[in-house]
Amino acid sequence: MEAIVIEGGKGPASALRVARIARPEAGSGQILIAVKAAGVNRPDLLQRLGLYPPPPGAPVTLGLEVAGEVVEGAGRWRAGDHVCALLGGGGYAGFAVADARHALPIPPGLDFTHAASLPETVFTVFANVFEHGALKAGETFMVHGATSGIGVTAIQMAKAAGATVIATARGAKKATEALRLGADIAVDATGEDFAAVAAAHGGVDVILDMVAGDYFPKNLDALKTGGRLVHIAALGGGKVELPIAKMMQKRLIITGSTLRPRSAEEKARLASAVERVVWPWVAEGKIKCVVDRAFPLAEAAQAHEWLEGGAHIGKVVLTL
């Protein structure tokens, strides 16, 4: 089959090329999927650079989410079923193997391209915002990087759950897009102090942060007493100084997580919860799949360059 490999094992986007490799074989409890589309995510960029190695047993090729047609079924799935699935790797290819429990039916009305944009972001937001962050209806939620794949999903999921959403983005255009996506308040972080905006609106209960760095002290200021700060990346710097007294006085919870290294059982539990809670929101149109650009598989290098450039609004997807 055709797949994207990293020439030399790691390197810039230009190191990505198409190669013919052996088709994977489904093991016990796994399904084989003929891939029609694959999501492109920041962890893929890190893996390409040699900074995010795949967990033991995962394919060394890139790609953490796909949509396609089941070729070999297992569990609830039969050949011909249309699914989207969370993977440990290997999505940038003609075929991919997934744990049958980590696949979900494609919601009604979605094509493969849009369905491929769902698993990685929805699982990440659900685990971090609704489980670790314990966001509830009536609370105020803040998300940084509002027009990223995670950001556009987080805005919509929080609104579907009945929260007020404050979104931050870099630039007036992106802030406007955040409002269009459903945010109640949008902050242009290049010229506005998001902590001051939060304070003016009574503070926030939960923050989903992928920046860290100099955002960290402002996040603590933005949170209400009892607030929860959840980290999923550290694009602005991974080392911060924590004022313990402020954390104690405000009774803050500071946490974070990654998705890929979680156990197969934990991902299966998440998949079940996502299908129960989030899939109805998608079916009702409360959550729309925002695909910024779709590139053919052979143009994976261009897709990575586009994502790295930061001009995207929503997800970048590869199509086959």
Protein backbone atom coordinates (compact mmCIF):
# COMPACT_ATOMS: atom_id res chain seq x y z
CA MET A 1 0.00 0.00 0.00
CA GLU A 2 1.00 3.64 -0.27
CA ALA A 3 1.91 5.45 2.92
CA ILE A 4 3.74 8.57 4.03
CA VAL A 5 7.17 7.94 5.53
CA ILE A 6 9.75 10.29 7.05
CA GLU A 7 12.92 10.16 5.01
CA GLY A 8 15.85 9.80 7.41
CA GLY A 9 13.54 9.05 10.33
CA LYS A 10 13.00 12.70 11.27
CA GLY A 11 13.24 16.13 9.72
CA PRO A 12 11.35 19.10 8.25
CA ALA A 13 8.08 18.79 6.38
CA SER A 14 10.05 18.22 3.18
CA ALA A 15 11.22 14.88 4.64
CA LEU A 16 7.74 13.45 4.12
CA ARG A 17 7.37 11.32 1.01
CA VAL A 18 5.14 8.61 -0.42
CA ALA A 19 6.46 5.05 -0.24
CA ARG A 20 5.10 1.56 -0.70
CA ILE A 21 5.06 -0.42 2.54
CA ALA A 22 3.41 -3.63 3.68
CA ARG A 23 -0.30 -3.46 4.39
CA PRO A 24 -0.97 -3.91 8.12
CA GLU A 25 -2.75 -7.00 9.40
CA ALA A 26 -5.57 -6.80 11.90
CA GLY A 27 -5.00 -8.75 15.09
CA SER A 28 -7.49 -10.02 17.62
CA GLY A 29 -10.07 -7.36 18.43
CA GLN A 30 -8.85 -5.09 15.67
CA ILE A 31 -10.41 -3.87 12.43
CA LEU A 32 -8.71 -3.13 9.12
CA ILE A 33 -9.87 0.14 7.57
CA ALA A 34 -9.50 1.26 3.96
CA VAL A 35 -8.56 4.86 4.71
CA LYS A 36 -10.42 7.59 2.84
CA ALA A 37 -9.19 10.54 4.91
CA ALA A 38 -6.76 11.15 7.76
CA GLY A 39 -6.55 14.08 10.16
CA VAL A 40 -3.31 16.05 10.52
CA ASN A 41 -2.48 17.04 14.10
CA ARG A 42 0.30 18.84 15.96
CA PRO A 43 1.53 15.59 17.54
CA ASP A 44 2.27 14.46 13.96
CA LEU A 45 4.53 17.48 13.53
CA LEU A 46 6.33 16.66 16.77
CA GLN A 47 6.77 13.03 15.79
CA ARG A 48 8.17 14.10 12.42
CA LEU A 49 10.75 16.19 14.27
CA GLY A 50 11.70 13.25 16.48
CA LEU A 51 10.14 14.81 19.60
CA TYR A 52 7.12 12.54 20.11
CA PRO A 53 7.95 8.87 19.52
CA PRO A 54 5.06 6.43 19.07
CA PRO A 55 4.17 4.29 22.09
CA PRO A 56 5.28 0.65 22.15
CA GLY A 57 3.45 -1.44 19.59
CA ALA A 58 2.15 1.51 17.57
CA PRO A 59 3.07 1.97 13.88
CA VAL A 60 6.05 4.22 13.28
CA THR A 61 4.18 5.96 10.45
CA LEU A 62 2.20 9.13 11.17
CA GLY A 63 -1.52 9.61 11.61
CA LEU A 64 -3.67 9.50 14.77
CA GLU A 65 -7.17 9.57 13.27
CA VAL A 66 -8.85 8.31 10.11
CA ALA A 67 -12.19 7.82 8.45
CA GLY A 68 -12.88 5.05 6.00
CA GLU A 69 -14.53 1.73 5.21
CA VAL A 70 -14.08 -1.41 7.27
CA VAL A 71 -12.38 -4.17 5.24
CA GLU A 72 -12.02 -6.71 8.04
CA GLY A 73 -14.43 -6.44 10.94
CA ALA A 74 -14.31 -7.29 14.63
CA GLY A 75 -16.55 -6.60 17.60
CA ARG A 76 -19.55 -4.52 16.47
CA TRP A 77 -18.07 -3.78 13.04
CA ARG A 78 -18.59 -5.63 9.75
CA ALA A 79 -16.95 -5.25 6.34
CA GLY A 80 -18.47 -2.25 4.55
CA ASP A 81 -19.22 -0.22 7.67
CA HIS A 82 -18.18 3.44 7.52
CA VAL A 83 -16.22 4.48 10.61
CA CYS A 84 -13.90 7.09 12.02
CA ALA A 85 -11.28 5.90 14.46
CA LEU A 86 -8.62 6.96 16.91
CA LEU A 87 -5.24 5.35 16.19
CA GLY A 88 -1.89 4.98 17.89
CA GLY A 89 -0.34 5.79 14.50
CA GLY A 90 -0.38 4.72 10.88
CA GLY A 91 -3.21 6.86 9.54
CA TYR A 92 -1.27 8.43 6.66
CA ALA A 93 -1.73 5.31 4.53
CA GLY A 94 -4.06 3.38 2.28
CA PHE A 95 -5.01 1.02 5.12
CA ALA A 96 -4.90 1.31 8.89
CA VAL A 97 -5.56 -1.00 11.81
CA ALA A 98 -7.61 0.18 14.79
CA ASP A 99 -8.80 -1.36 18.03
CA ALA A 100 -12.46 -2.08 17.28
CA ARG A 101 -13.42 -0.30 20.49
CA HIS A 102 -11.73 2.92 19.34
CA ALA A 103 -13.87 3.27 16.20
CA LEU A 104 -17.16 5.14 16.04
CA PRO A 105 -19.88 5.28 13.39
CA ILE A 106 -19.64 8.28 11.10
CA PRO A 107 -22.39 10.68 12.18
CA PRO A 108 -25.24 11.14 9.67
CA GLY A 109 -24.57 13.66 6.91
CA LEU A 110 -20.78 13.69 7.24
CA ASP A 111 -18.43 12.66 4.46
CA PHE A 112 -15.12 10.90 5.12
CA THR A 113 -13.10 14.13 4.99
CA HIS A 114 -15.10 15.81 7.74
CA ALA A 115 -15.44 12.64 9.81
CA ALA A 116 -11.66 12.26 9.86
CA SER A 117 -11.42 15.60 11.66
CA LEU A 118 -13.33 14.33 14.70
CA PRO A 119 -11.63 11.60 16.77
CA GLU A 120 -8.40 13.18 17.99
CA THR A 121 -9.94 16.55 18.82
CA VAL A 122 -13.21 15.28 20.28
CA PHE A 123 -11.53 12.67 22.48
CA THR A 124 -8.99 15.27 23.65
CA VAL A 125 -11.58 17.92 24.47
CA PHE A 126 -13.94 15.49 26.17
CA ALA A 127 -11.20 14.01 28.36
CA ASN A 128 -9.63 17.32 29.32
CA VAL A 129 -12.53 19.76 29.48
CA PHE A 130 -15.38 17.55 30.68
CA GLU A 131 -13.51 14.94 32.71
CA HIS A 132 -10.34 16.57 34.09
CA GLY A 133 -11.82 20.08 33.96
CA ALA A 134 -15.30 18.94 35.06
CA LEU A 135 -17.01 21.70 33.04
CA LYS A 136 -20.72 21.97 33.82
CA ALA A 137 -23.69 23.82 32.34
CA GLY A 138 -23.81 27.41 33.56
CA GLU A 139 -20.06 27.70 34.08
CA THR A 140 -17.65 29.89 32.12
CA PHE A 141 -15.03 28.24 29.94
CA MET A 142 -11.94 29.78 28.35
CA VAL A 143 -9.98 28.22 25.49
CA HIS A 144 -6.73 29.47 24.03
CA GLY A 145 -5.84 28.88 20.39
CA ALA A 146 -9.50 29.27 19.52
CA THR A 147 -9.20 28.64 15.79
CA SER A 148 -7.01 25.54 16.02
CA GLY A 149 -8.57 22.14 15.49
CA ILE A 150 -8.83 21.69 19.25
CA GLY A 151 -10.08 25.24 19.72
CA VAL A 152 -12.98 25.13 17.28
CA THR A 153 -14.07 21.79 18.75
CA ALA A 154 -13.77 23.00 22.34
CA ILE A 155 -15.85 26.12 21.65
CA GLN A 156 -18.67 24.10 20.15
CA MET A 157 -18.63 21.30 22.72
CA ALA A 158 -18.65 23.76 25.63
CA LYS A 159 -21.56 25.67 24.10
CA ALA A 160 -23.45 22.42 23.47
CA ALA A 161 -22.98 21.59 27.17
CA GLY A 162 -24.48 24.92 28.23
CA ALA A 163 -21.34 26.86 29.18
CA THR A 164 -20.41 30.48 28.46
CA VAL A 165 -17.30 30.57 26.27
CA ILE A 166 -14.44 33.06 26.21
CA ALA A 167 -12.04 32.31 23.36
CA THR A 168 -8.59 33.79 22.79
CA ALA A 169 -6.82 33.93 19.46
CA ARG A 170 -3.87 35.75 17.94
CA GLY A 171 -5.24 38.43 15.62
CA ALA A 172 -8.52 40.22 15.07
CA LYS A 173 -9.51 37.97 12.16
CA LYS A 174 -9.17 34.83 14.25
CA ALA A 175 -11.03 36.43 17.14
CA THR A 176 -13.90 37.22 14.77
CA GLU A 177 -13.89 33.62 13.56
CA ALA A 178 -14.13 32.44 17.16
CA LEU A 179 -17.33 34.45 17.56
CA ARG A 180 -18.70 32.96 14.35
CA LEU A 181 -18.00 29.50 15.74
CA GLY A 182 -20.12 30.25 18.80
CA ALA A 183 -17.86 31.88 21.39
CA ASP A 184 -19.69 34.42 23.54
CA ILE A 185 -16.60 36.61 23.96
CA ALA A 186 -13.47 36.64 21.80
CA VAL A 187 -10.13 38.13 22.84
CA ASP A 188 -7.39 39.16 20.43
CA ALA A 189 -4.43 38.04 22.53
CA THR A 190 -2.02 40.19 20.51
CA GLY A 191 -3.53 43.38 21.89
CA GLU A 192 -5.85 42.50 24.78
CA ASP A 193 -5.19 41.11 28.25
CA PHE A 194 -7.33 37.98 28.44
CA ALA A 195 -7.05 37.88 32.24
CA ALA A 196 -8.51 41.39 32.46
CA VAL A 197 -11.32 40.45 30.09
CA ALA A 198 -12.05 37.36 32.18
CA ALA A 199 -12.08 39.40 35.39
CA ALA A 200 -14.47 41.92 33.83
CA HIS A 201 -16.90 39.06 33.21
CA GLY A 202 -16.61 37.51 36.65
CA GLY A 203 -13.73 35.11 35.99
CA VAL A 204 -13.73 31.66 34.45
CA ASP A 205 -14.26 28.19 35.88
CA VAL A 206 -12.22 26.11 33.41
CA ILE A 207 -9.36 26.97 31.05
CA LEU A 208 -8.10 24.69 28.29
CA ASP A 209 -4.55 25.80 27.54
CA MET A 210 -2.13 24.68 24.85
CA VAL A 211 0.26 27.62 25.31
CA ALA A 212 1.62 27.62 28.91
CA GLY A 213 4.72 29.85 29.13
CA ASP A 214 3.79 33.44 29.88
CA TYR A 215 0.07 32.55 29.69
CA PHE A 216 0.39 30.62 32.97
CA PRO A 217 0.28 33.51 35.49
CA LYS A 218 -2.51 35.19 33.54
CA ASN A 219 -4.46 31.92 33.56
CA LEU A 220 -4.25 31.86 37.37
CA ASP A 221 -5.52 35.44 37.49
CA ALA A 222 -8.38 34.63 35.10
CA LEU A 223 -9.68 31.70 37.14
CA LYS A 224 -12.39 32.00 39.76
CA THR A 225 -11.97 30.47 43.19
CA GLY A 226 -12.21 26.73 42.66
CA GLY A 227 -11.19 27.08 39.01
CA ARG A 228 -9.54 24.36 36.95
CA LEU A 229 -6.62 24.87 34.55
CA VAL A 230 -6.03 22.02 32.10
CA HIS A 231 -2.91 21.87 29.93
CA ILE A 232 -2.72 19.85 26.71
CA ALA A 233 0.43 21.41 25.20
CA ALA A 234 3.10 23.98 25.95
CA LEU A 235 3.68 25.85 22.70
CA GLY A 236 4.78 28.93 24.64
CA GLY A 237 7.19 27.14 26.95
CA GLY A 238 6.98 24.13 29.24
CA LYS A 239 8.55 25.54 32.41
CA VAL A 240 6.55 27.93 34.58
CA GLU A 241 6.69 29.32 38.11
CA LEU A 242 3.76 28.39 40.33
CA PRO A 243 2.80 30.78 43.14
CA ILE A 244 1.69 28.21 45.69
CA ALA A 245 -0.06 30.78 47.90
CA LYS A 246 -2.31 31.91 45.04
CA MET A 247 -3.15 28.31 44.18
CA MET A 248 -4.07 27.64 47.81
CA GLN A 249 -6.03 30.85 48.30
CA LYS A 250 -8.11 30.31 45.15
CA ARG A 251 -8.31 26.53 45.65
CA LEU A 252 -7.18 25.97 42.07
CA ILE A 253 -6.76 22.65 40.33
CA ILE A 254 -3.89 22.61 37.81
CA THR A 255 -3.68 19.52 35.65
CA GLY A 256 -3.09 18.25 32.14
CA SER A 257 -2.88 15.12 30.04
CA THR A 258 -1.94 13.49 26.77
CA LEU A 259 -4.14 11.13 24.79
CA ARG A 260 -1.87 8.90 22.74
CA PRO A 261 -0.08 7.02 25.58
CA ARG A 262 -3.32 6.06 27.35
CA SER A 263 -4.14 2.38 27.59
CA ALA A 264 -6.39 0.67 25.06
CA GLU A 265 -8.97 0.14 27.81
CA GLU A 266 -8.96 3.83 28.74
CA LYS A 267 -9.39 4.88 25.10
CA ALA A 268 -12.25 2.39 24.76
CA ARG A 269 -13.93 3.94 27.80
CA LEU A 270 -13.48 7.40 26.29
CA ALA A 271 -14.88 6.25 22.94
CA SER A 272 -18.00 4.94 24.64
CA ALA A 273 -18.48 8.19 26.56
CA VAL A 274 -17.92 10.30 23.43
CA GLU A 275 -20.47 8.29 21.46
CA ARG A 276 -23.01 8.65 24.25
CA VAL A 277 -22.49 12.36 24.99
CA VAL A 278 -20.94 14.06 21.96
CA TRP A 279 -22.25 12.13 18.95
CA PRO A 280 -25.83 13.33 19.58
CA TRP A 281 -24.52 16.92 19.55
CA VAL A 282 -22.92 16.27 16.16
CA ALA A 283 -26.10 14.66 14.82
CA GLU A 284 -28.16 17.64 16.04
CA GLY A 285 -25.83 20.12 14.33
CA LYS A 286 -24.58 21.63 17.58
CA ILE A 287 -21.05 20.65 16.59
CA LYS A 288 -19.90 21.22 13.03
CA CYS A 289 -16.71 19.76 11.58
CA VAL A 290 -14.54 22.70 10.55
CA VAL A 291 -12.04 21.58 7.90
CA ASP A 292 -9.73 24.39 6.84
CA ARG A 293 -8.03 22.54 3.97
CA ALA A 294 -7.85 19.04 2.56
CA PHE A 295 -4.67 17.88 0.80
CA PRO A 296 -4.14 14.69 -1.20
CA LEU A 297 -2.05 12.11 0.66
CA ALA A 298 0.89 12.76 -1.65
CA GLU A 299 0.92 16.39 -0.47
CA ALA A 300 1.45 15.54 3.21
CA ALA A 301 4.51 17.80 3.27
CA GLN A 302 2.43 20.78 2.14
CA ALA A 303 -0.22 19.90 4.73
CA HIS A 304 2.40 19.94 7.50
CA GLU A 305 3.78 23.27 6.27
CA TRP A 306 0.29 24.76 6.24
CA LEU A 307 -0.41 23.59 9.80
CA GLU A 308 2.96 24.87 10.98
CA GLY A 309 2.25 28.27 9.41
CA GLY A 310 -0.66 28.79 11.80
CA ALA A 311 -3.07 30.47 9.38
CA HIS A 312 -5.55 27.59 9.48
CA ILE A 313 -9.01 27.79 11.03
CA GLY A 314 -10.07 24.31 12.07
CA LYS A 315 -8.59 21.01 10.92
CA VAL A 316 -6.20 20.04 8.14
CA VAL A 317 -6.99 16.69 6.52
CA LEU A 318 -5.34 14.33 4.04
CA THR A 319 -7.56 12.60 1.48
CA LEU A 320 -7.08 9.35 -0.41
